Amino acid sequence: MKWTVDHHGKIDVLVNNAGFGQVGPTVSEWTKEDLNAHLQPNVLGVAYGMKHAVPHMHRGGSIINVSSLGGLMGLPGYGAYVASKFAVIGLTKTAAIELGPQGIRVNCICPGTIDTPMNQRGGADAELEAVKIAAPLGRIGKPDEVAALMHFLAADDCGYVSGEAITIDGGWLAGPSIALFERLVSSSGQ
């Protein structure tokens, strides 16, 4: 941030996009370490990013925090991750209220599964296949699609959007895909 301010005089856009997610123990079995592994980068990273950027932002600035589809719904085995991503949405809404009088917009995006190196790691195959069946668009998202949403939220002509948590999930949160519905019906023998 110091480099940006030294070279450009201010910060126009902040994207808080660092995060950590891992399947772990259930909520009745997790440890403080399991929870902190998610809260430190996912919640404190966003909080400190906003804290240190805001003094260098001017009217018309835009903060874009990255939560997750897991910030809008529960996911078994991801309790610590889900808790941290729900917190990002809460921080976003609070910051939008507090920073609105300064003309700074604060929004949040909630991606579903996106085709990134993190999702190419071992063990992710089952999640990738589930998304292809469950998401109405029948595929995982592309990084360029997420970048386009970020660009929209950062643009000056998006100046009246603030305090929002916007999903980019191929329709997953809208409801079950036809493919998933058909599988459920056929597996029940009807």
N, C-alpha and C. Protein backbone atom coordinates (compact mmCIF):
# COMPACT_ATOMS: atom_id res chain seq x y z
N MET A 1 0.82 -1.19 0.00
CA MET A 1 0.00 0.00 0.00
C MET A 1 0.86 1.25 0.00
N LYS A 2 1.96 1.19 0.75
CA LYS A 2 2.87 2.35 0.79
C LYS A 2 3.40 2.65 -0.61
N TRP A 3 3.81 1.61 -1.34
CA TRP A 3 4.32 1.80 -2.70
C TRP A 3 3.26 2.48 -3.57
N THR A 4 2.02 1.99 -3.51
CA THR A 4 0.95 2.56 -4.32
C THR A 4 0.73 4.03 -3.99
N VAL A 5 0.67 4.35 -2.70
CA VAL A 5 0.46 5.74 -2.29
C VAL A 5 1.65 6.60 -2.70
N ASP A 6 2.87 6.08 -2.52
CA ASP A 6 4.07 6.84 -2.92
C ASP A 6 4.10 7.14 -4.41
N HIS A 7 3.62 6.21 -5.24
CA HIS A 7 3.67 6.36 -6.69
C HIS A 7 2.41 6.95 -7.32
N HIS A 8 1.28 6.81 -6.64
CA HIS A 8 0.01 7.26 -7.24
C HIS A 8 -0.76 8.23 -6.36
N GLY A 9 -0.31 8.44 -5.14
CA GLY A 9 -0.93 9.41 -4.27
C GLY A 9 -2.13 8.94 -3.49
N LYS A 10 -2.74 7.84 -3.90
CA LYS A 10 -3.91 7.32 -3.21
C LYS A 10 -4.18 5.88 -3.66
N ILE A 11 -5.13 5.27 -3.00
CA ILE A 11 -5.60 3.94 -3.39
C ILE A 11 -7.03 4.09 -3.88
N ASP A 12 -7.28 3.69 -5.10
CA ASP A 12 -8.63 3.76 -5.67
C ASP A 12 -9.45 2.51 -5.40
N VAL A 13 -8.79 1.34 -5.51
CA VAL A 13 -9.49 0.07 -5.39
C VAL A 13 -8.65 -0.86 -4.51
N LEU A 14 -9.32 -1.52 -3.59
CA LEU A 14 -8.68 -2.57 -2.78
C LEU A 14 -9.45 -3.85 -3.01
N VAL A 15 -8.75 -4.92 -3.36
CA VAL A 15 -9.35 -6.25 -3.46
C VAL A 15 -8.69 -7.12 -2.42
N ASN A 16 -9.47 -7.56 -1.45
CA ASN A 16 -9.00 -8.50 -0.42
C ASN A 16 -9.32 -9.90 -0.91
N ASN A 17 -8.32 -10.56 -1.51
CA ASN A 17 -8.56 -11.85 -2.17
C ASN A 17 -7.71 -12.98 -1.62
N ALA A 18 -6.98 -12.77 -0.56
CA ALA A 18 -6.20 -13.87 0.00
C ALA A 18 -7.10 -14.72 0.87
N GLY A 19 -6.85 -15.98 0.92
CA GLY A 19 -7.68 -16.83 1.77
C GLY A 19 -7.15 -18.23 1.88
N PHE A 20 -7.79 -18.99 2.76
CA PHE A 20 -7.39 -20.36 3.03
C PHE A 20 -8.65 -21.18 3.24
N GLY A 21 -8.70 -22.36 2.67
CA GLY A 21 -9.83 -23.25 2.87
C GLY A 21 -9.37 -24.69 2.83
N GLN A 22 -9.88 -25.47 3.76
CA GLN A 22 -9.47 -26.87 3.84
C GLN A 22 -10.58 -27.67 4.50
N VAL A 23 -10.82 -28.87 3.97
CA VAL A 23 -11.74 -29.78 4.64
C VAL A 23 -11.09 -30.15 5.96
N GLY A 24 -11.89 -30.17 6.98
CA GLY A 24 -11.32 -30.46 8.29
C GLY A 24 -12.29 -31.22 9.16
N PRO A 25 -12.03 -31.20 10.43
CA PRO A 25 -12.91 -31.89 11.36
C PRO A 25 -14.27 -31.21 11.45
N THR A 26 -15.25 -31.93 11.96
CA THR A 26 -16.57 -31.36 12.15
C THR A 26 -16.52 -30.33 13.27
N VAL A 27 -17.57 -29.54 13.38
CA VAL A 27 -17.58 -28.47 14.40
C VAL A 27 -17.46 -29.02 15.81
N SER A 28 -17.85 -30.25 16.03
CA SER A 28 -17.72 -30.83 17.38
C SER A 28 -16.33 -31.40 17.64
N GLU A 29 -15.50 -31.43 16.60
CA GLU A 29 -14.16 -32.02 16.75
C GLU A 29 -13.01 -31.06 16.47
N TRP A 30 -13.30 -29.85 15.94
CA TRP A 30 -12.19 -28.98 15.57
C TRP A 30 -11.46 -28.45 16.79
N THR A 31 -10.24 -28.02 16.54
CA THR A 31 -9.40 -27.45 17.59
C THR A 31 -9.27 -25.94 17.36
N LYS A 32 -8.73 -25.28 18.34
CA LYS A 32 -8.48 -23.85 18.19
C LYS A 32 -7.56 -23.60 17.00
N GLU A 33 -6.61 -24.49 16.78
CA GLU A 33 -5.69 -24.35 15.65
C GLU A 33 -6.42 -24.47 14.31
N ASP A 34 -7.37 -25.41 14.21
CA ASP A 34 -8.16 -25.56 12.98
C ASP A 34 -8.92 -24.28 12.68
N LEU A 35 -9.55 -23.73 13.71
CA LEU A 35 -10.34 -22.51 13.53
C LEU A 35 -9.45 -21.32 13.19
N ASN A 36 -8.36 -21.16 13.93
CA ASN A 36 -7.46 -20.03 13.68
C ASN A 36 -6.79 -20.09 12.31
N ALA A 37 -6.55 -21.29 11.80
CA ALA A 37 -5.95 -21.42 10.46
C ALA A 37 -6.81 -20.76 9.40
N HIS A 38 -8.12 -20.71 9.63
CA HIS A 38 -9.04 -20.07 8.69
C HIS A 38 -9.32 -18.62 9.07
N LEU A 39 -9.48 -18.34 10.35
CA LEU A 39 -9.82 -16.99 10.77
C LEU A 39 -8.69 -16.00 10.52
N GLN A 40 -7.46 -16.42 10.73
CA GLN A 40 -6.32 -15.49 10.55
C GLN A 40 -6.27 -14.91 9.13
N PRO A 41 -6.16 -15.72 8.09
CA PRO A 41 -6.08 -15.11 6.75
C PRO A 41 -7.42 -14.60 6.24
N ASN A 42 -8.49 -15.36 6.47
CA ASN A 42 -9.77 -15.03 5.85
C ASN A 42 -10.48 -13.85 6.48
N VAL A 43 -10.42 -13.72 7.80
CA VAL A 43 -11.10 -12.63 8.48
C VAL A 43 -10.14 -11.49 8.80
N LEU A 44 -9.05 -11.81 9.46
CA LEU A 44 -8.12 -10.75 9.84
C LEU A 44 -7.44 -10.14 8.61
N GLY A 45 -7.18 -10.93 7.58
CA GLY A 45 -6.60 -10.39 6.35
C GLY A 45 -7.50 -9.32 5.74
N VAL A 46 -8.80 -9.59 5.70
CA VAL A 46 -9.76 -8.62 5.17
C VAL A 46 -9.84 -7.40 6.08
N ALA A 47 -9.95 -7.64 7.38
CA ALA A 47 -10.08 -6.53 8.34
C ALA A 47 -8.87 -5.60 8.28
N TYR A 48 -7.68 -6.17 8.30
CA TYR A 48 -6.47 -5.33 8.27
C TYR A 48 -6.26 -4.68 6.90
N GLY A 49 -6.64 -5.38 5.83
CA GLY A 49 -6.55 -4.77 4.50
C GLY A 49 -7.38 -3.50 4.43
N MET A 50 -8.62 -3.57 4.92
CA MET A 50 -9.47 -2.38 4.92
C MET A 50 -8.92 -1.31 5.85
N LYS A 51 -8.52 -1.70 7.05
CA LYS A 51 -8.01 -0.74 8.03
C LYS A 51 -6.86 0.08 7.46
N HIS A 52 -5.94 -0.57 6.77
CA HIS A 52 -4.74 0.13 6.29
C HIS A 52 -4.94 0.83 4.94
N ALA A 53 -5.95 0.43 4.18
CA ALA A 53 -6.19 1.09 2.89
C ALA A 53 -7.05 2.34 3.02
N VAL A 54 -8.05 2.28 3.89
CA VAL A 54 -9.03 3.37 3.99
C VAL A 54 -8.39 4.75 4.18
N PRO A 55 -7.38 4.91 5.03
CA PRO A 55 -6.81 6.25 5.18
C PRO A 55 -6.24 6.83 3.87
N HIS A 56 -5.98 5.97 2.90
CA HIS A 56 -5.39 6.41 1.62
C HIS A 56 -6.41 6.45 0.49
N MET A 57 -7.68 6.17 0.83
CA MET A 57 -8.72 6.17 -0.20
C MET A 57 -9.48 7.49 -0.15
N HIS A 58 -10.01 7.87 -1.29
CA HIS A 58 -10.78 9.11 -1.41
C HIS A 58 -12.18 8.78 -1.90
N ARG A 59 -13.04 9.75 -1.90
CA ARG A 59 -14.40 9.60 -2.39
C ARG A 59 -14.38 8.90 -3.74
N GLY A 60 -15.24 7.92 -3.90
CA GLY A 60 -15.29 7.15 -5.14
C GLY A 60 -14.47 5.88 -5.09
N GLY A 61 -13.78 5.64 -3.97
CA GLY A 61 -12.99 4.41 -3.84
C GLY A 61 -13.88 3.18 -3.71
N SER A 62 -13.30 2.04 -4.01
CA SER A 62 -14.06 0.79 -3.98
C SER A 62 -13.24 -0.29 -3.28
N ILE A 63 -13.86 -0.94 -2.32
CA ILE A 63 -13.26 -2.10 -1.65
C ILE A 63 -14.06 -3.32 -2.05
N ILE A 64 -13.37 -4.35 -2.49
CA ILE A 64 -14.00 -5.60 -2.90
C ILE A 64 -13.39 -6.71 -2.06
N ASN A 65 -14.21 -7.29 -1.20
CA ASN A 65 -13.77 -8.40 -0.36
C ASN A 65 -14.24 -9.70 -1.00
N VAL A 66 -13.42 -10.73 -0.91
CA VAL A 66 -13.79 -12.02 -1.48
C VAL A 66 -14.17 -12.97 -0.35
N SER A 67 -15.43 -13.34 -0.35
CA SER A 67 -15.94 -14.35 0.57
C SER A 67 -15.98 -15.67 -0.20
N SER A 68 -17.13 -16.29 -0.24
CA SER A 68 -17.25 -17.59 -0.89
C SER A 68 -18.72 -17.97 -0.90
N LEU A 69 -19.06 -18.92 -1.75
CA LEU A 69 -20.38 -19.52 -1.65
C LEU A 69 -20.55 -20.09 -0.24
N GLY A 70 -19.43 -20.53 0.35
CA GLY A 70 -19.44 -21.01 1.73
C GLY A 70 -19.69 -19.93 2.76
N GLY A 71 -19.76 -18.68 2.34
CA GLY A 71 -20.16 -17.59 3.23
C GLY A 71 -21.65 -17.37 3.23
N LEU A 72 -22.36 -18.14 2.40
CA LEU A 72 -23.81 -18.00 2.28
C LEU A 72 -24.56 -19.28 2.62
N MET A 73 -23.83 -20.37 2.80
CA MET A 73 -24.47 -21.65 3.09
C MET A 73 -23.49 -22.55 3.84
N GLY A 74 -24.01 -23.48 4.59
CA GLY A 74 -23.16 -24.44 5.28
C GLY A 74 -22.63 -25.49 4.33
N LEU A 75 -21.44 -26.00 4.65
CA LEU A 75 -20.81 -27.06 3.86
C LEU A 75 -20.21 -28.06 4.84
N PRO A 76 -20.66 -29.31 4.82
CA PRO A 76 -20.15 -30.27 5.80
C PRO A 76 -18.64 -30.46 5.68
N GLY A 77 -17.98 -30.45 6.82
CA GLY A 77 -16.53 -30.62 6.86
C GLY A 77 -15.76 -29.33 6.66
N TYR A 78 -16.47 -28.25 6.38
CA TYR A 78 -15.83 -26.95 6.14
C TYR A 78 -16.26 -25.91 7.18
N GLY A 79 -16.60 -26.34 8.39
CA GLY A 79 -17.13 -25.43 9.40
C GLY A 79 -16.27 -24.22 9.68
N ALA A 80 -14.96 -24.42 9.84
CA ALA A 80 -14.06 -23.30 10.13
C ALA A 80 -14.00 -22.35 8.93
N TYR A 81 -13.94 -22.91 7.73
CA TYR A 81 -13.91 -22.10 6.51
C TYR A 81 -15.22 -21.30 6.38
N VAL A 82 -16.34 -21.98 6.54
CA VAL A 82 -17.64 -21.34 6.42
C VAL A 82 -17.78 -20.22 7.44
N ALA A 83 -17.38 -20.45 8.68
CA ALA A 83 -17.46 -19.41 9.71
C ALA A 83 -16.66 -18.19 9.30
N SER A 84 -15.47 -18.41 8.76
CA SER A 84 -14.63 -17.28 8.36
C SER A 84 -15.21 -16.52 7.19
N LYS A 85 -15.83 -17.22 6.26
CA LYS A 85 -16.38 -16.56 5.07
C LYS A 85 -17.71 -15.85 5.37
N PHE A 86 -18.50 -16.35 6.32
CA PHE A 86 -19.68 -15.61 6.79
C PHE A 86 -19.21 -14.30 7.43
N ALA A 87 -18.10 -14.36 8.17
CA ALA A 87 -17.57 -13.16 8.83
C ALA A 87 -17.16 -12.11 7.81
N VAL A 88 -16.62 -12.53 6.67
CA VAL A 88 -16.22 -11.57 5.63
C VAL A 88 -17.44 -10.80 5.13
N ILE A 89 -18.57 -11.47 4.97
CA ILE A 89 -19.78 -10.78 4.53
C ILE A 89 -20.23 -9.79 5.60
N GLY A 90 -20.18 -10.17 6.87
CA GLY A 90 -20.54 -9.25 7.94
C GLY A 90 -19.64 -8.03 8.00
N LEU A 91 -18.33 -8.25 7.83
CA LEU A 91 -17.39 -7.13 7.80
C LEU A 91 -17.68 -6.20 6.62
N THR A 92 -18.01 -6.79 5.48
CA THR A 92 -18.31 -6.01 4.28
C THR A 92 -19.51 -5.10 4.51
N LYS A 93 -20.57 -5.65 5.06
CA LYS A 93 -21.79 -4.86 5.27
C LYS A 93 -21.55 -3.75 6.30
N THR A 94 -20.82 -4.07 7.36
CA THR A 94 -20.52 -3.05 8.37
C THR A 94 -19.65 -1.95 7.79
N ALA A 95 -18.62 -2.33 7.03
CA ALA A 95 -17.74 -1.33 6.42
C ALA A 95 -18.49 -0.47 5.42
N ALA A 96 -19.44 -1.05 4.69
CA ALA A 96 -20.23 -0.26 3.73
C ALA A 96 -21.01 0.83 4.46
N ILE A 97 -21.54 0.52 5.61
CA ILE A 97 -22.28 1.51 6.40
C ILE A 97 -21.34 2.58 6.94
N GLU A 98 -20.21 2.15 7.48
CA GLU A 98 -19.29 3.09 8.11
C GLU A 98 -18.55 3.97 7.10
N LEU A 99 -18.23 3.41 5.93
CA LEU A 99 -17.43 4.15 4.95
C LEU A 99 -18.27 4.87 3.90
N GLY A 100 -19.57 4.58 3.86
CA GLY A 100 -20.45 5.24 2.90
C GLY A 100 -20.38 6.76 2.97
N PRO A 101 -20.40 7.37 4.17
CA PRO A 101 -20.33 8.83 4.22
C PRO A 101 -19.05 9.41 3.63
N GLN A 102 -18.00 8.59 3.51
CA GLN A 102 -16.75 9.05 2.89
C GLN A 102 -16.75 8.80 1.38
N GLY A 103 -17.85 8.24 0.88
CA GLY A 103 -17.93 7.97 -0.56
C GLY A 103 -17.17 6.72 -0.97
N ILE A 104 -16.86 5.85 -0.02
CA ILE A 104 -16.17 4.59 -0.33
C ILE A 104 -17.20 3.47 -0.35
N ARG A 105 -17.24 2.76 -1.47
CA ARG A 105 -18.15 1.62 -1.62
C ARG A 105 -17.44 0.36 -1.16
N VAL A 106 -18.18 -0.52 -0.49
CA VAL A 106 -17.62 -1.79 -0.03
C VAL A 106 -18.58 -2.90 -0.42
N ASN A 107 -18.08 -3.84 -1.20
CA ASN A 107 -18.88 -4.97 -1.66
C ASN A 107 -18.10 -6.26 -1.46
N CYS A 108 -18.82 -7.33 -1.65
CA CYS A 108 -18.23 -8.65 -1.44
C CYS A 108 -18.66 -9.55 -2.59
N ILE A 109 -17.76 -10.37 -3.06
CA ILE A 109 -18.15 -11.39 -4.04
C ILE A 109 -18.05 -12.76 -3.38
N CYS A 110 -18.93 -13.64 -3.80
CA CYS A 110 -19.02 -14.97 -3.20
C CYS A 110 -18.90 -16.02 -4.30
N PRO A 111 -17.66 -16.34 -4.70
CA PRO A 111 -17.48 -17.33 -5.76
C PRO A 111 -17.80 -18.75 -5.31
N GLY A 112 -18.33 -19.52 -6.24
CA GLY A 112 -18.41 -20.96 -6.06
C GLY A 112 -17.05 -21.53 -6.44
N THR A 113 -17.03 -22.73 -6.94
CA THR A 113 -15.77 -23.35 -7.33
C THR A 113 -15.27 -22.73 -8.63
N ILE A 114 -14.04 -22.22 -8.57
CA ILE A 114 -13.42 -21.56 -9.71
C ILE A 114 -12.18 -22.36 -10.12
N ASP A 115 -11.92 -22.43 -11.40
CA ASP A 115 -10.80 -23.20 -11.94
C ASP A 115 -9.48 -22.48 -11.67
N THR A 116 -8.95 -22.71 -10.48
CA THR A 116 -7.68 -22.10 -10.06
C THR A 116 -6.72 -23.21 -9.63
N PRO A 117 -5.45 -22.89 -9.49
CA PRO A 117 -4.49 -23.91 -9.03
C PRO A 117 -4.90 -24.55 -7.69
N MET A 118 -5.56 -23.77 -6.81
CA MET A 118 -5.98 -24.32 -5.53
C MET A 118 -6.95 -25.49 -5.74
N ASN A 119 -7.75 -25.42 -6.79
CA ASN A 119 -8.72 -26.48 -7.06
C ASN A 119 -8.15 -27.60 -7.93
N GLN A 120 -6.88 -27.51 -8.26
CA GLN A 120 -6.23 -28.58 -9.03
C GLN A 120 -5.42 -29.49 -8.11
N ARG A 121 -5.38 -29.14 -6.82
CA ARG A 121 -4.61 -29.95 -5.87
C ARG A 121 -5.26 -31.32 -5.70
N GLY A 122 -4.51 -32.22 -5.13
CA GLY A 122 -5.01 -33.56 -4.90
C GLY A 122 -6.25 -33.56 -4.03
N GLY A 123 -7.21 -34.41 -4.37
CA GLY A 123 -8.42 -34.52 -3.58
C GLY A 123 -9.55 -33.60 -4.00
N ALA A 124 -9.30 -32.71 -4.93
CA ALA A 124 -10.33 -31.75 -5.35
C ALA A 124 -11.21 -32.31 -6.45
N ASP A 125 -10.86 -33.46 -7.00
CA ASP A 125 -11.61 -34.02 -8.13
C ASP A 125 -13.09 -34.21 -7.80
N ALA A 126 -13.39 -34.71 -6.61
CA ALA A 126 -14.78 -34.95 -6.24
C ALA A 126 -15.57 -33.65 -6.21
N GLU A 127 -14.97 -32.59 -5.67
CA GLU A 127 -15.66 -31.29 -5.64
C GLU A 127 -15.90 -30.77 -7.05
N LEU A 128 -14.91 -30.89 -7.91
CA LEU A 128 -15.06 -30.40 -9.28
C LEU A 128 -16.17 -31.14 -10.01
N GLU A 129 -16.26 -32.45 -9.82
CA GLU A 129 -17.32 -33.23 -10.46
C GLU A 129 -18.68 -32.89 -9.88
N ALA A 130 -18.75 -32.68 -8.56
CA ALA A 130 -20.02 -32.31 -7.92
C ALA A 130 -20.55 -31.00 -8.46
N VAL A 131 -19.65 -30.03 -8.67
CA VAL A 131 -20.08 -28.73 -9.20
C VAL A 131 -20.64 -28.89 -10.60
N LYS A 132 -20.01 -29.72 -11.40
CA LYS A 132 -20.49 -29.91 -12.77
C LYS A 132 -21.90 -30.49 -12.79
N ILE A 133 -22.26 -31.23 -11.76
CA ILE A 133 -23.60 -31.81 -11.68
C ILE A 133 -24.57 -30.85 -10.99
N ALA A 134 -24.12 -30.20 -9.91
CA ALA A 134 -25.03 -29.40 -9.07
C ALA A 134 -25.29 -28.00 -9.61
N ALA A 135 -24.31 -27.38 -10.23
CA ALA A 135 -24.49 -26.00 -10.71
C ALA A 135 -25.34 -26.03 -11.99
N PRO A 136 -26.39 -25.22 -12.04
CA PRO A 136 -27.23 -25.22 -13.25
C PRO A 136 -26.47 -24.95 -14.55
N LEU A 137 -25.38 -24.19 -14.50
CA LEU A 137 -24.60 -23.98 -15.73
C LEU A 137 -23.76 -25.19 -16.09
N GLY A 138 -23.62 -26.17 -15.19
CA GLY A 138 -22.97 -27.43 -15.50
C GLY A 138 -21.46 -27.39 -15.65
N ARG A 139 -20.82 -26.40 -15.03
CA ARG A 139 -19.36 -26.29 -15.13
C ARG A 139 -18.84 -25.48 -13.95
N ILE A 140 -17.53 -25.52 -13.79
CA ILE A 140 -16.92 -24.66 -12.79
C ILE A 140 -16.63 -23.30 -13.42
N GLY A 141 -16.43 -22.30 -12.57
CA GLY A 141 -16.20 -20.95 -13.05
C GLY A 141 -14.77 -20.74 -13.53
N LYS A 142 -14.60 -19.68 -14.30
CA LYS A 142 -13.28 -19.31 -14.83
C LYS A 142 -12.78 -18.06 -14.09
N PRO A 143 -11.47 -17.99 -13.85
CA PRO A 143 -10.92 -16.80 -13.18
C PRO A 143 -11.29 -15.50 -13.88
N ASP A 144 -11.33 -15.49 -15.21
CA ASP A 144 -11.68 -14.27 -15.95
C ASP A 144 -13.10 -13.80 -15.63
N GLU A 145 -14.00 -14.73 -15.33
CA GLU A 145 -15.37 -14.36 -14.99
C GLU A 145 -15.42 -13.66 -13.64
N VAL A 146 -14.60 -14.13 -12.70
CA VAL A 146 -14.51 -13.47 -11.39
C VAL A 146 -13.88 -12.09 -11.55
N ALA A 147 -12.84 -12.01 -12.36
CA ALA A 147 -12.18 -10.73 -12.61
C ALA A 147 -13.15 -9.73 -13.23
N ALA A 148 -14.04 -10.18 -14.10
CA ALA A 148 -15.02 -9.28 -14.72
C ALA A 148 -15.97 -8.72 -13.67
N LEU A 149 -16.38 -9.53 -12.71
CA LEU A 149 -17.24 -9.04 -11.64
C LEU A 149 -16.49 -8.02 -10.78
N MET A 150 -15.23 -8.30 -10.49
CA MET A 150 -14.42 -7.34 -9.73
C MET A 150 -14.30 -6.02 -10.49
N HIS A 151 -14.07 -6.10 -11.79
CA HIS A 151 -13.95 -4.90 -12.62
C HIS A 151 -15.25 -4.09 -12.56
N PHE A 152 -16.37 -4.76 -12.65
CA PHE A 152 -17.67 -4.10 -12.56
C PHE A 152 -17.79 -3.35 -11.23
N LEU A 153 -17.47 -4.02 -10.13
CA LEU A 153 -17.61 -3.39 -8.81
C LEU A 153 -16.60 -2.27 -8.59
N ALA A 154 -15.49 -2.31 -9.27
CA ALA A 154 -14.48 -1.25 -9.12
C ALA A 154 -14.77 -0.03 -9.99
N ALA A 155 -15.57 -0.21 -11.03
CA ALA A 155 -15.79 0.85 -12.01
C ALA A 155 -16.58 2.02 -11.44
N ASP A 156 -16.27 3.20 -11.91
CA ASP A 156 -16.97 4.40 -11.49
C ASP A 156 -18.46 4.37 -11.83
N ASP A 157 -18.82 3.70 -12.93
CA ASP A 157 -20.23 3.67 -13.30
C ASP A 157 -21.03 2.65 -12.48
N CYS A 158 -20.42 2.07 -11.48
CA CYS A 158 -21.08 1.18 -10.53
C CYS A 158 -21.16 1.87 -9.17
N GLY A 159 -21.26 3.19 -9.19
CA GLY A 159 -21.12 4.01 -8.00
C GLY A 159 -22.22 3.94 -6.97
N TYR A 160 -23.32 3.25 -7.24
CA TYR A 160 -24.40 3.20 -6.27
C TYR A 160 -24.58 1.79 -5.68
N VAL A 161 -23.65 0.90 -5.97
CA VAL A 161 -23.70 -0.46 -5.43
C VAL A 161 -22.74 -0.53 -4.25
N SER A 162 -23.28 -0.79 -3.07
CA SER A 162 -22.45 -0.92 -1.87
C SER A 162 -23.16 -1.80 -0.85
N GLY A 163 -22.38 -2.53 -0.10
CA GLY A 163 -22.92 -3.40 0.95
C GLY A 163 -23.49 -4.71 0.44
N GLU A 164 -23.14 -5.08 -0.78
CA GLU A 164 -23.70 -6.28 -1.39
C GLU A 164 -22.76 -7.48 -1.28
N ALA A 165 -23.35 -8.65 -1.21
CA ALA A 165 -22.64 -9.93 -1.31
C ALA A 165 -23.17 -10.59 -2.57
N ILE A 166 -22.38 -10.60 -3.62
CA ILE A 166 -22.83 -11.04 -4.94
C ILE A 166 -22.25 -12.42 -5.24
N THR A 167 -23.13 -13.36 -5.53
CA THR A 167 -22.67 -14.71 -5.85
C THR A 167 -22.23 -14.78 -7.30
N ILE A 168 -21.23 -15.62 -7.53
CA ILE A 168 -20.78 -15.95 -8.88
C ILE A 168 -20.48 -17.44 -8.83
N ASP A 169 -21.57 -18.23 -9.04
CA ASP A 169 -21.51 -19.65 -8.72
C ASP A 169 -22.17 -20.55 -9.75
N GLY A 170 -22.42 -20.04 -10.94
CA GLY A 170 -23.04 -20.86 -11.97
C GLY A 170 -24.48 -21.22 -11.67
N GLY A 171 -25.09 -20.48 -10.73
CA GLY A 171 -26.48 -20.74 -10.37
C GLY A 171 -26.67 -21.71 -9.23
N TRP A 172 -25.57 -22.19 -8.63
CA TRP A 172 -25.64 -23.21 -7.57
C TRP A 172 -26.61 -22.79 -6.45
N LEU A 173 -26.52 -21.57 -5.98
CA LEU A 173 -27.34 -21.12 -4.86
C LEU A 173 -28.80 -20.92 -5.25
N ALA A 174 -29.09 -20.81 -6.54
CA ALA A 174 -30.47 -20.64 -7.00
C ALA A 174 -31.30 -21.88 -6.74
N GLY A 175 -30.67 -23.04 -6.76
CA GLY A 175 -31.39 -24.29 -6.55
C GLY A 175 -30.73 -25.42 -7.32
N PRO A 176 -31.28 -26.61 -7.17
CA PRO A 176 -30.64 -27.77 -7.82
C PRO A 176 -30.73 -27.68 -9.34
N SER A 177 -29.66 -28.12 -9.98
CA SER A 177 -29.66 -28.16 -11.44
C SER A 177 -30.61 -29.25 -11.92
N ILE A 178 -30.97 -29.17 -13.17
CA ILE A 178 -31.80 -30.22 -13.75
C ILE A 178 -31.07 -31.55 -13.68
N ALA A 179 -29.76 -31.55 -13.96
CA ALA A 179 -28.98 -32.79 -13.92
C ALA A 179 -29.00 -33.41 -12.52
N LEU A 180 -28.86 -32.59 -11.48
CA LEU A 180 -28.88 -33.11 -10.11
C LEU A 180 -30.28 -33.61 -9.77
N PHE A 181 -31.28 -32.86 -10.13
CA PHE A 181 -32.65 -33.26 -9.86
C PHE A 181 -32.97 -34.59 -10.52
N GLU A 182 -32.55 -34.75 -11.79
CA GLU A 182 -32.79 -36.00 -12.50
C GLU A 182 -32.06 -37.17 -11.84
N ARG A 183 -30.82 -36.92 -11.36
CA ARG A 183 -30.10 -37.99 -10.66
C ARG A 183 -30.80 -38.39 -9.37
N LEU A 184 -31.29 -37.41 -8.63
CA LEU A 184 -31.99 -37.71 -7.38
C LEU A 184 -33.26 -38.50 -7.64
N VAL A 185 -34.00 -38.10 -8.66
CA VAL A 185 -35.26 -38.79 -8.99
C VAL A 185 -34.96 -40.20 -9.46
N SER A 186 -33.95 -40.37 -10.32
CA SER A 186 -33.67 -41.71 -10.85
C SER A 186 -33.09 -42.62 -9.77
N SER A 187 -32.36 -42.07 -8.81
CA SER A 187 -31.80 -42.92 -7.75
C SER A 187 -32.87 -43.33 -6.74
N SER A 188 -33.98 -42.59 -6.69
CA SER A 188 -35.04 -42.97 -5.77
C SER A 188 -36.00 -43.96 -6.41
N GLY A 189 -35.76 -44.30 -7.69
CA GLY A 189 -36.57 -45.29 -8.37
C GLY A 189 -37.90 -44.78 -8.90
N GLN A 190 -38.04 -43.48 -9.00
CA GLN A 190 -39.31 -42.92 -9.49
C GLN A 190 -39.20 -42.41 -10.89
